[in-house]
């Protein structure tokens, strides 16, 4: 996937998890998405998902893995997520 597609997929993540992220963090994620702060967005999103343990689907986990890999970021915290299916 090229950088433009990767940026688009990353920018959509706050909305994918909007119903499972606390409002204050969601505002920060949306702001980072608007500003193209992909590393920071992914770091905060992963931290929130690991700390709050909302249930996510295997497809959502795989989407996170693909985006992290696309930006060359580690995916070691994916194992700490609460995945259903």
N, C-alpha and C. Protein backbone atom coordinates (compact mmCIF):
# COMPACT_ATOMS: atom_id res chain seq x y z
N UNK A 1 0.85 -1.18 0.00
CA UNK A 1 0.00 0.00 0.00
C UNK A 1 0.89 1.23 0.00
N UNK A 2 0.48 2.24 -0.76
CA UNK A 2 1.28 3.45 -0.85
C UNK A 2 1.00 4.37 0.33
N UNK A 3 1.80 5.42 0.45
CA UNK A 3 1.70 6.30 1.61
C UNK A 3 0.35 7.00 1.71
N UNK A 4 -0.23 7.38 0.59
CA UNK A 4 -1.53 8.06 0.61
C UNK A 4 -2.61 7.12 1.15
N UNK A 5 -2.60 5.87 0.70
CA UNK A 5 -3.59 4.90 1.20
C UNK A 5 -3.36 4.62 2.68
N UNK A 6 -2.11 4.50 3.06
CA UNK A 6 -1.75 4.26 4.46
C UNK A 6 -2.22 5.42 5.33
N UNK A 7 -2.03 6.65 4.88
CA UNK A 7 -2.47 7.83 5.62
C UNK A 7 -3.99 7.83 5.75
N UNK A 8 -4.69 7.49 4.68
CA UNK A 8 -6.16 7.44 4.72
C UNK A 8 -6.64 6.38 5.70
N UNK A 9 -6.04 5.22 5.66
CA UNK A 9 -6.45 4.15 6.58
C UNK A 9 -6.14 4.51 8.03
N UNK A 10 -5.02 5.17 8.26
CA UNK A 10 -4.66 5.58 9.61
C UNK A 10 -5.61 6.66 10.11
N UNK A 11 -5.95 7.60 9.25
CA UNK A 11 -6.84 8.70 9.63
C UNK A 11 -8.23 8.20 10.00
N UNK A 12 -8.63 7.04 9.49
CA UNK A 12 -9.96 6.49 9.79
C UNK A 12 -10.01 5.78 11.15
N UNK A 13 -8.88 5.44 11.70
CA UNK A 13 -8.86 4.65 12.93
C UNK A 13 -9.60 5.29 14.11
N UNK A 14 -9.48 6.61 14.34
CA UNK A 14 -10.24 7.16 15.46
C UNK A 14 -11.74 6.87 15.36
N UNK A 15 -12.27 6.90 14.15
CA UNK A 15 -13.71 6.63 13.99
C UNK A 15 -14.02 5.15 14.13
N UNK A 16 -13.10 4.29 13.71
CA UNK A 16 -13.30 2.85 13.86
C UNK A 16 -13.47 2.49 15.33
N UNK A 17 -12.69 3.14 16.20
CA UNK A 17 -12.71 2.81 17.63
C UNK A 17 -13.43 3.86 18.48
N UNK A 18 -14.15 4.77 17.85
CA UNK A 18 -14.77 5.90 18.56
C UNK A 18 -15.68 5.46 19.70
N UNK A 19 -16.38 4.36 19.54
CA UNK A 19 -17.31 3.91 20.59
C UNK A 19 -16.61 3.16 21.72
N UNK A 20 -15.29 2.99 21.62
CA UNK A 20 -14.55 2.24 22.64
C UNK A 20 -13.38 3.00 23.22
N UNK A 21 -13.27 4.28 22.86
CA UNK A 21 -12.18 5.12 23.35
C UNK A 21 -12.79 6.25 24.18
N UNK A 22 -12.23 6.55 25.36
CA UNK A 22 -12.75 7.66 26.16
C UNK A 22 -12.75 8.97 25.38
N UNK A 23 -13.76 9.82 25.63
CA UNK A 23 -13.91 11.06 24.85
C UNK A 23 -12.67 11.95 24.79
N UNK A 24 -11.97 12.12 25.88
CA UNK A 24 -10.79 12.98 25.88
C UNK A 24 -9.71 12.46 24.95
N UNK A 25 -9.47 11.16 24.99
CA UNK A 25 -8.48 10.56 24.11
C UNK A 25 -8.96 10.58 22.66
N UNK A 26 -10.26 10.39 22.46
CA UNK A 26 -10.81 10.42 21.11
C UNK A 26 -10.59 11.80 20.47
N UNK A 27 -10.79 12.86 21.25
CA UNK A 27 -10.54 14.21 20.73
C UNK A 27 -9.08 14.35 20.30
N UNK A 28 -8.17 13.83 21.13
CA UNK A 28 -6.75 13.89 20.79
C UNK A 28 -6.43 13.09 19.54
N UNK A 29 -7.02 11.90 19.41
CA UNK A 29 -6.80 11.08 18.22
C UNK A 29 -7.30 11.77 16.96
N UNK A 30 -8.47 12.38 17.06
CA UNK A 30 -9.02 13.09 15.90
C UNK A 30 -8.13 14.27 15.51
N UNK A 31 -7.63 14.99 16.50
CA UNK A 31 -6.73 16.11 16.23
C UNK A 31 -5.45 15.63 15.56
N UNK A 32 -4.90 14.53 16.03
CA UNK A 32 -3.69 13.97 15.42
C UNK A 32 -3.96 13.53 13.99
N UNK A 33 -5.15 12.96 13.75
CA UNK A 33 -5.51 12.53 12.40
C UNK A 33 -5.59 13.74 11.46
N UNK A 34 -6.20 14.81 11.94
CA UNK A 34 -6.30 16.03 11.11
C UNK A 34 -4.92 16.59 10.79
N UNK A 35 -4.00 16.46 11.74
CA UNK A 35 -2.66 17.01 11.57
C UNK A 35 -1.67 16.05 10.91
N UNK A 36 -2.12 14.84 10.60
CA UNK A 36 -1.22 13.88 9.97
C UNK A 36 -0.13 13.38 10.89
N UNK A 37 -0.40 13.37 12.19
CA UNK A 37 0.57 12.92 13.19
C UNK A 37 0.39 11.41 13.41
N UNK A 38 0.80 10.62 12.42
CA UNK A 38 0.48 9.20 12.40
C UNK A 38 1.15 8.42 13.53
N UNK A 39 2.43 8.64 13.78
CA UNK A 39 3.11 7.91 14.85
C UNK A 39 2.45 8.19 16.20
N UNK A 40 2.17 9.46 16.46
CA UNK A 40 1.56 9.84 17.73
C UNK A 40 0.15 9.27 17.86
N UNK A 41 -0.61 9.31 16.77
CA UNK A 41 -1.96 8.76 16.77
C UNK A 41 -1.93 7.28 17.11
N UNK A 42 -1.06 6.54 16.44
CA UNK A 42 -0.99 5.10 16.67
C UNK A 42 -0.49 4.78 18.07
N UNK A 43 0.47 5.56 18.57
CA UNK A 43 0.97 5.33 19.92
C UNK A 43 -0.13 5.55 20.95
N UNK A 44 -0.88 6.64 20.83
CA UNK A 44 -1.96 6.91 21.77
C UNK A 44 -3.07 5.88 21.64
N UNK A 45 -3.46 5.55 20.42
CA UNK A 45 -4.52 4.58 20.22
C UNK A 45 -4.15 3.24 20.83
N UNK A 46 -2.95 2.77 20.59
CA UNK A 46 -2.53 1.49 21.16
C UNK A 46 -2.49 1.56 22.68
N UNK A 47 -1.99 2.65 23.23
CA UNK A 47 -1.94 2.79 24.69
C UNK A 47 -3.34 2.74 25.29
N UNK A 48 -4.27 3.45 24.68
CA UNK A 48 -5.64 3.48 25.19
C UNK A 48 -6.29 2.09 25.08
N UNK A 49 -6.11 1.44 23.95
CA UNK A 49 -6.73 0.12 23.77
C UNK A 49 -6.13 -0.92 24.73
N UNK A 50 -4.84 -0.82 24.99
CA UNK A 50 -4.21 -1.75 25.94
C UNK A 50 -4.67 -1.45 27.36
N UNK A 51 -4.76 -0.18 27.73
CA UNK A 51 -5.14 0.19 29.10
C UNK A 51 -6.60 -0.07 29.40
N UNK A 52 -7.49 0.27 28.47
CA UNK A 52 -8.92 0.18 28.75
C UNK A 52 -9.52 -1.17 28.38
N UNK A 53 -8.80 -1.96 27.60
CA UNK A 53 -9.19 -3.33 27.23
C UNK A 53 -10.59 -3.46 26.62
N UNK A 54 -11.00 -2.59 25.70
CA UNK A 54 -12.28 -2.83 25.03
C UNK A 54 -12.12 -4.05 24.12
N UNK A 55 -13.19 -4.75 23.89
CA UNK A 55 -13.13 -5.89 22.98
C UNK A 55 -13.09 -5.36 21.55
N UNK A 56 -12.12 -5.86 20.79
CA UNK A 56 -12.03 -5.51 19.38
C UNK A 56 -12.08 -6.81 18.58
N UNK A 57 -12.42 -6.70 17.32
CA UNK A 57 -12.49 -7.89 16.48
C UNK A 57 -11.10 -8.27 15.96
N UNK A 58 -10.98 -9.49 15.51
CA UNK A 58 -9.72 -9.93 14.90
C UNK A 58 -9.42 -9.10 13.66
N UNK A 59 -10.45 -8.73 12.91
CA UNK A 59 -10.25 -7.90 11.72
C UNK A 59 -9.71 -6.51 12.10
N UNK A 60 -10.21 -5.95 13.21
CA UNK A 60 -9.70 -4.65 13.67
C UNK A 60 -8.25 -4.77 14.12
N UNK A 61 -7.93 -5.85 14.81
CA UNK A 61 -6.53 -6.08 15.21
C UNK A 61 -5.64 -6.19 13.98
N UNK A 62 -6.11 -6.92 12.97
CA UNK A 62 -5.33 -7.09 11.75
C UNK A 62 -5.16 -5.76 11.03
N UNK A 63 -6.19 -4.92 11.07
CA UNK A 63 -6.10 -3.59 10.46
C UNK A 63 -5.02 -2.77 11.18
N UNK A 64 -5.00 -2.84 12.50
CA UNK A 64 -3.96 -2.14 13.26
C UNK A 64 -2.58 -2.68 12.88
N UNK A 65 -2.45 -4.00 12.78
CA UNK A 65 -1.17 -4.61 12.43
C UNK A 65 -0.68 -4.09 11.07
N UNK A 66 -1.57 -4.04 10.10
CA UNK A 66 -1.20 -3.59 8.76
C UNK A 66 -0.75 -2.13 8.76
N UNK A 67 -1.46 -1.30 9.50
CA UNK A 67 -1.11 0.12 9.54
C UNK A 67 0.21 0.32 10.28
N UNK A 68 0.38 -0.35 11.40
CA UNK A 68 1.64 -0.24 12.13
C UNK A 68 2.81 -0.68 11.24
N UNK A 69 2.64 -1.81 10.57
CA UNK A 69 3.70 -2.31 9.69
C UNK A 69 3.97 -1.33 8.55
N UNK A 70 2.92 -0.75 8.01
CA UNK A 70 3.08 0.20 6.92
C UNK A 70 3.93 1.40 7.29
N UNK A 71 3.79 1.85 8.53
CA UNK A 71 4.59 2.99 9.01
C UNK A 71 5.92 2.55 9.61
N UNK A 72 6.17 1.24 9.64
CA UNK A 72 7.41 0.74 10.20
C UNK A 72 7.46 0.81 11.71
N UNK A 73 6.28 0.72 12.34
CA UNK A 73 6.19 0.81 13.80
C UNK A 73 6.03 -0.59 14.40
N UNK A 74 6.49 -0.78 15.63
CA UNK A 74 6.37 -2.11 16.25
C UNK A 74 4.91 -2.48 16.54
N UNK A 75 4.64 -3.77 16.48
CA UNK A 75 3.29 -4.25 16.77
C UNK A 75 3.26 -5.15 18.00
N UNK A 76 4.27 -5.00 18.86
CA UNK A 76 4.39 -5.87 20.02
C UNK A 76 3.24 -5.73 21.03
N UNK A 77 2.52 -4.62 21.03
CA UNK A 77 1.41 -4.45 21.98
C UNK A 77 0.11 -5.08 21.48
N UNK A 78 0.07 -5.55 20.24
CA UNK A 78 -1.15 -6.15 19.72
C UNK A 78 -1.56 -7.38 20.55
N UNK A 79 -0.60 -8.09 21.08
CA UNK A 79 -0.89 -9.26 21.91
C UNK A 79 -1.57 -8.91 23.21
N UNK A 80 -1.52 -7.64 23.62
CA UNK A 80 -2.14 -7.20 24.87
C UNK A 80 -3.57 -6.74 24.68
N UNK A 81 -4.07 -6.76 23.44
CA UNK A 81 -5.44 -6.31 23.17
C UNK A 81 -6.45 -7.42 23.47
N UNK A 82 -7.66 -7.01 23.80
CA UNK A 82 -8.76 -7.96 24.05
C UNK A 82 -9.46 -8.21 22.72
N UNK A 83 -9.11 -9.33 22.07
CA UNK A 83 -9.61 -9.62 20.73
C UNK A 83 -10.66 -10.72 20.79
N UNK A 84 -11.75 -10.48 20.08
CA UNK A 84 -12.83 -11.47 19.96
C UNK A 84 -12.78 -12.01 18.53
N UNK A 85 -12.83 -13.32 18.44
CA UNK A 85 -12.93 -13.95 17.11
C UNK A 85 -11.69 -14.20 16.43
